[in-house]
Amino acid sequence: MAATLMMMSLVCFLQLGGIMVFAAHGYNSHPLPQVQANGDTTWCIAKPSTLYAQLENIINYCCVETGLQCSVIQPGGACFLGYNNKVSDASVVMNLYYNEKGKFPVNCNFSDSGLTIYTDPSVGNCVYRAA
């Protein structure tokens, strides 16, 4: 029984400031289940508590290693908020990645730095794509 519980995924629903957050966390380094989000619209954002270095790694991974078009977070882009907004920048590119690769929990994990939310995080001209 205990071994079974350790292998199960823990699924939590949290209410944070009016934003419904879905967090899936796998145990024993097992991959997260490949179950696409149901009909609900979801977005992927960075946890505000994520360390600066991890945010930089996420941005580098999404924009350089996977080749996503990240001009939206560069000067002149609709989501450019200055040079010291790494949580915002990472959130934008994480959501791009999440949409590009499929809305599976594993595609919003980013070493446990991602949150899947049900409230549109778009602000002004910075529109987060939803599928």
Protein backbone atom coordinates (compact mmCIF):
# COMPACT_ATOMS: atom_id res chain seq x y z
CA MET A 1 0.00 0.00 0.00
CA ALA A 2 2.75 2.47 0.94
CA ALA A 3 4.66 1.68 -2.24
CA THR A 4 1.52 2.28 -4.27
CA LEU A 5 0.99 5.64 -2.59
CA MET A 6 4.59 6.64 -3.28
CA MET A 7 4.18 5.93 -6.98
CA MET A 8 0.92 7.83 -7.35
CA SER A 9 0.95 11.41 -8.48
CA LEU A 10 -0.18 13.99 -6.00
CA VAL A 11 -2.65 16.39 -7.51
CA CYS A 12 -3.41 19.64 -5.73
CA PHE A 13 -5.83 22.42 -6.42
CA LEU A 14 -4.96 25.70 -4.75
CA GLN A 15 -6.83 28.98 -4.69
CA LEU A 16 -4.25 31.78 -4.89
CA GLY A 17 -5.55 35.32 -5.20
CA GLY A 18 -8.47 34.32 -7.36
CA ILE A 19 -6.34 32.16 -9.65
CA MET A 20 -7.07 28.45 -9.69
CA VAL A 21 -3.77 26.61 -9.82
CA PHE A 22 -3.29 22.99 -10.83
CA ALA A 23 -0.03 21.42 -9.70
CA ALA A 24 0.96 17.86 -10.47
CA HIS A 25 4.02 16.45 -8.77
CA GLY A 26 5.37 12.98 -9.49
CA TYR A 27 7.20 10.88 -6.91
CA ASN A 28 10.22 8.62 -7.33
CA SER A 29 11.30 10.48 -10.49
CA HIS A 30 8.53 8.86 -12.51
CA PRO A 31 7.41 10.97 -15.45
CA LEU A 32 4.19 12.92 -15.10
CA PRO A 33 1.22 11.32 -16.83
CA GLN A 34 0.74 12.25 -20.48
CA VAL A 35 -2.89 13.29 -20.13
CA GLN A 36 -3.84 16.41 -22.00
CA ALA A 37 -5.86 19.06 -20.15
CA ASN A 38 -9.58 18.49 -20.54
CA GLY A 39 -11.75 21.05 -22.32
CA ASP A 40 -10.80 23.78 -19.83
CA THR A 41 -8.54 26.52 -21.13
CA THR A 42 -5.19 26.51 -19.34
CA TRP A 43 -2.01 28.55 -19.35
CA CYS A 44 1.47 27.82 -18.03
CA ILE A 45 3.31 30.40 -15.92
CA ALA A 46 6.40 30.51 -13.71
CA LYS A 47 6.05 30.13 -9.96
CA PRO A 48 6.82 33.55 -8.44
CA SER A 49 9.19 31.84 -5.98
CA THR A 50 11.42 30.46 -8.75
CA LEU A 51 15.06 31.50 -8.38
CA TYR A 52 16.48 34.01 -10.88
CA ALA A 53 19.05 31.52 -12.21
CA GLN A 54 16.31 28.93 -12.87
CA LEU A 55 14.21 31.55 -14.68
CA GLU A 56 17.24 32.35 -16.87
CA ASN A 57 17.69 28.63 -17.59
CA ILE A 58 14.03 28.28 -18.56
CA ILE A 59 14.19 31.28 -20.91
CA ASN A 60 17.40 29.96 -22.47
CA TYR A 61 15.97 26.49 -22.90
CA CYS A 62 12.71 27.68 -24.48
CA CYS A 63 14.16 30.40 -26.70
CA VAL A 64 17.56 29.00 -27.68
CA GLU A 65 17.52 25.23 -27.32
CA THR A 66 13.98 24.58 -28.59
CA GLY A 67 13.97 27.42 -31.12
CA LEU A 68 10.71 29.06 -30.03
CA GLN A 69 10.12 32.56 -31.38
CA CYS A 70 10.71 34.69 -28.27
CA SER A 71 10.82 38.18 -29.79
CA VAL A 72 7.68 39.00 -27.80
CA ILE A 73 9.82 39.36 -24.61
CA GLN A 74 12.57 41.39 -26.28
CA PRO A 75 12.64 45.22 -26.54
CA GLY A 76 9.73 46.30 -28.74
CA GLY A 77 7.85 43.05 -28.14
CA ALA A 78 4.30 43.08 -26.79
CA CYS A 79 5.39 41.38 -23.55
CA PHE A 80 8.64 43.27 -22.93
CA LEU A 81 8.38 44.82 -19.46
CA GLY A 82 12.00 45.80 -18.96
CA TYR A 83 15.14 43.90 -18.23
CA ASN A 84 14.37 42.90 -14.63
CA ASN A 85 11.11 41.01 -15.08
CA LYS A 86 12.36 37.44 -15.31
CA VAL A 87 9.22 35.88 -13.80
CA SER A 88 7.13 37.60 -16.47
CA ASP A 89 9.57 36.74 -19.28
CA ALA A 90 9.78 33.11 -18.18
CA SER A 91 6.00 32.89 -17.87
CA VAL A 92 5.52 34.12 -21.43
CA VAL A 93 8.00 31.65 -22.94
CA MET A 94 6.83 28.78 -20.73
CA ASN A 95 3.31 29.33 -22.05
CA LEU A 96 4.63 29.42 -25.63
CA TYR A 97 6.39 26.10 -25.00
CA TYR A 98 3.29 24.63 -23.32
CA ASN A 99 1.19 25.51 -26.37
CA GLU A 100 3.81 24.36 -28.86
CA LYS A 101 4.55 20.97 -27.25
CA GLY A 102 1.04 20.14 -26.07
CA LYS A 103 -0.85 20.98 -22.91
CA PHE A 104 0.43 18.05 -20.89
CA PRO A 105 1.49 18.47 -17.24
CA VAL A 106 5.07 17.54 -18.11
CA ASN A 107 5.24 20.49 -20.55
CA CYS A 108 4.59 22.95 -17.73
CA ASN A 109 6.83 21.36 -15.12
CA PHE A 110 10.20 22.99 -15.84
CA SER A 111 11.88 21.25 -12.89
CA ASP A 112 8.89 22.06 -10.68
CA SER A 113 9.01 25.78 -11.58
CA GLY A 114 5.76 25.90 -13.57
CA LEU A 115 2.12 26.39 -12.62
CA THR A 116 -0.84 25.48 -14.79
CA ILE A 117 -3.57 28.06 -14.28
CA TYR A 118 -7.17 28.50 -15.44
CA THR A 119 -7.26 32.32 -15.39
CA ASP A 120 -5.91 34.19 -18.41
CA PRO A 121 -2.66 35.92 -17.33
CA SER A 122 -2.68 38.30 -20.34
CA VAL A 123 -2.00 41.95 -19.48
CA GLY A 124 -2.59 44.81 -21.91
CA ASN A 125 -1.00 44.01 -25.27
CA CYS A 126 0.78 40.97 -23.85
CA VAL A 127 -1.63 38.21 -24.81
CA TYR A 128 -0.92 34.68 -23.62
CA ARG A 129 -2.05 32.20 -26.26
CA ALA A 130 -4.53 29.58 -25.16
CA ALA A 131 -5.57 26.50 -27.06
